[in-house]
Structures are given as C-alpha cells and as structure tokens.
Amino acid sequence: MNGKNKAGVATVDAKVEARTRTLTAQEEKIVRMRHGFRAPETMKLEQVGQDHPAAAATLASIEKRAISAVAARANPTKRKIVGALRAKN
C-alpha cells in the first residue's frame, strides 16, 4: 500500500471511529462485526447470530437502528457510506 492509500485508509478509519462514538456499545459491536470495520472479515447476519440463533432478529433490529442513527446525522459523505452499506445487504 502506498503512502497515499495509507493516508486515505487512516482518514476513513478516523471517520468511522468518530461516527461509531454516537452508537451504543452493542450497536457499535454489531455494525463492526457485520460490516468488517476492524474485523478480520465481514460476517453475514446469520454468522453474527450463530452462537445464539434466537438473537438473529434482535441483531438485525440493532443493526437497522444503528445504521439509521448514523444516517440521521448524515452529511453527504456519510450518506454515501450508509447507502453503500445498505446496498451491500
């Protein structure tokens, strides 16, 4: 990765960190696990809820609230990120 790419990644990381501070700890964990922010890889909702199958619906609800919370405070850049995350689902 060249210096320019590293700077871009650092900027994105800083923005993600700033946005996730507005979430509850539970919301942040679910969003990070689901979308791969500082996680080894993204996980399907079924994988996130695999240890507790009954929790899958709760996890989906938490993820939806978390994404909506970020989108509600969105600027144009955030709207692009949230739109991309929604399209990914």
Protein backbone atom coordinates (compact mmCIF):
# COMPACT_ATOMS: atom_id res chain seq x y z
CA MET A 1 0.00 0.00 0.00
CA ASN A 2 1.49 3.34 -0.98
CA GLY A 3 1.57 6.45 1.23
CA LYS A 4 -1.47 8.00 -0.44
CA ASN A 5 -3.57 4.86 0.14
CA LYS A 6 -2.43 4.66 3.76
CA ALA A 7 -3.48 8.28 4.29
CA GLY A 8 -6.88 7.52 2.74
CA VAL A 9 -7.36 4.47 4.94
CA ALA A 10 -6.37 6.48 8.01
CA THR A 11 -8.92 9.15 7.08
CA VAL A 12 -11.68 6.56 6.65
CA ASP A 13 -10.69 4.87 9.93
CA ALA A 14 -10.88 8.22 11.73
CA LYS A 15 -14.30 8.95 10.23
CA VAL A 16 -15.62 5.51 11.17
CA GLU A 17 -14.29 5.95 14.72
CA ALA A 18 -15.96 9.36 15.02
CA ARG A 19 -19.30 8.04 13.75
CA THR A 20 -19.35 4.92 15.89
CA ARG A 21 -18.86 7.02 19.04
CA THR A 22 -22.51 8.05 18.66
CA LEU A 23 -23.67 4.42 18.91
CA THR A 24 -24.22 2.32 21.97
CA ALA A 25 -21.54 -0.28 22.67
CA GLN A 26 -23.88 -3.03 21.48
CA GLU A 27 -24.76 -1.17 18.26
CA GLU A 28 -21.10 -0.46 17.56
CA LYS A 29 -20.12 -4.11 18.06
CA ILE A 30 -22.85 -5.34 15.71
CA VAL A 31 -22.03 -2.80 13.00
CA ARG A 32 -18.30 -3.55 13.24
CA MET A 33 -18.89 -7.31 13.09
CA ARG A 34 -21.43 -7.08 10.30
CA HIS A 35 -19.52 -4.70 8.04
CA GLY A 36 -15.94 -5.63 8.86
CA PHE A 37 -14.75 -2.42 10.48
CA ARG A 38 -11.57 -3.57 12.18
CA ALA A 39 -12.75 -7.14 11.96
CA PRO A 40 -10.97 -9.89 10.05
CA GLU A 41 -13.80 -10.06 7.51
CA THR A 42 -17.42 -9.07 7.16
CA MET A 43 -19.89 -11.51 8.56
CA LYS A 44 -23.37 -12.39 7.42
CA LEU A 45 -26.09 -11.67 9.93
CA GLU A 46 -26.59 -15.41 10.32
CA GLN A 47 -22.92 -15.78 11.30
CA VAL A 48 -23.13 -12.95 13.82
CA GLY A 49 -26.11 -14.62 15.48
CA GLN A 50 -24.81 -18.16 15.12
CA ASP A 51 -23.94 -18.62 18.79
CA HIS A 52 -27.44 -17.53 19.79
CA PRO A 53 -29.85 -18.33 16.95
CA ALA A 54 -32.77 -16.62 18.70
CA ALA A 55 -30.78 -13.39 18.71
CA ALA A 56 -30.64 -13.04 14.90
CA ALA A 57 -33.81 -10.91 14.77
CA THR A 58 -32.54 -8.76 17.61
CA LEU A 59 -29.22 -8.31 15.83
CA ALA A 60 -30.99 -7.26 12.64
CA SER A 61 -33.02 -4.73 14.58
CA ILE A 62 -29.93 -3.33 16.32
CA GLU A 63 -28.10 -3.05 13.00
CA LYS A 64 -31.06 -1.26 11.41
CA ARG A 65 -31.28 1.22 14.32
CA ALA A 66 -27.54 1.80 14.26
CA ILE A 67 -27.45 2.48 10.53
CA SER A 68 -30.49 4.75 10.84
CA ALA A 69 -28.84 6.62 13.72
CA VAL A 70 -25.75 7.28 11.64
CA ALA A 71 -27.84 8.18 8.58
CA ALA A 72 -29.99 10.61 10.56
CA ARG A 73 -26.92 12.68 11.33
CA ALA A 74 -25.52 12.17 7.87
CA ASN A 75 -23.62 14.61 5.78
CA PRO A 76 -23.10 13.83 2.08
CA THR A 77 -20.10 11.59 2.77
CA LYS A 78 -21.95 9.65 5.46
CA ARG A 79 -24.96 9.24 3.17
CA LYS A 80 -22.70 7.63 0.55
CA ILE A 81 -21.21 5.26 3.14
CA VAL A 82 -24.60 4.30 4.59
CA GLY A 83 -26.04 3.87 1.09
CA ALA A 84 -23.19 1.56 0.17
CA LEU A 85 -23.66 -0.45 3.36
CA ARG A 86 -27.40 -0.78 2.72
CA ALA A 87 -26.81 -1.83 -0.88
CA LYS A 88 -24.36 -4.46 0.36
CA ASN A 89 -27.18 -6.16 2.29
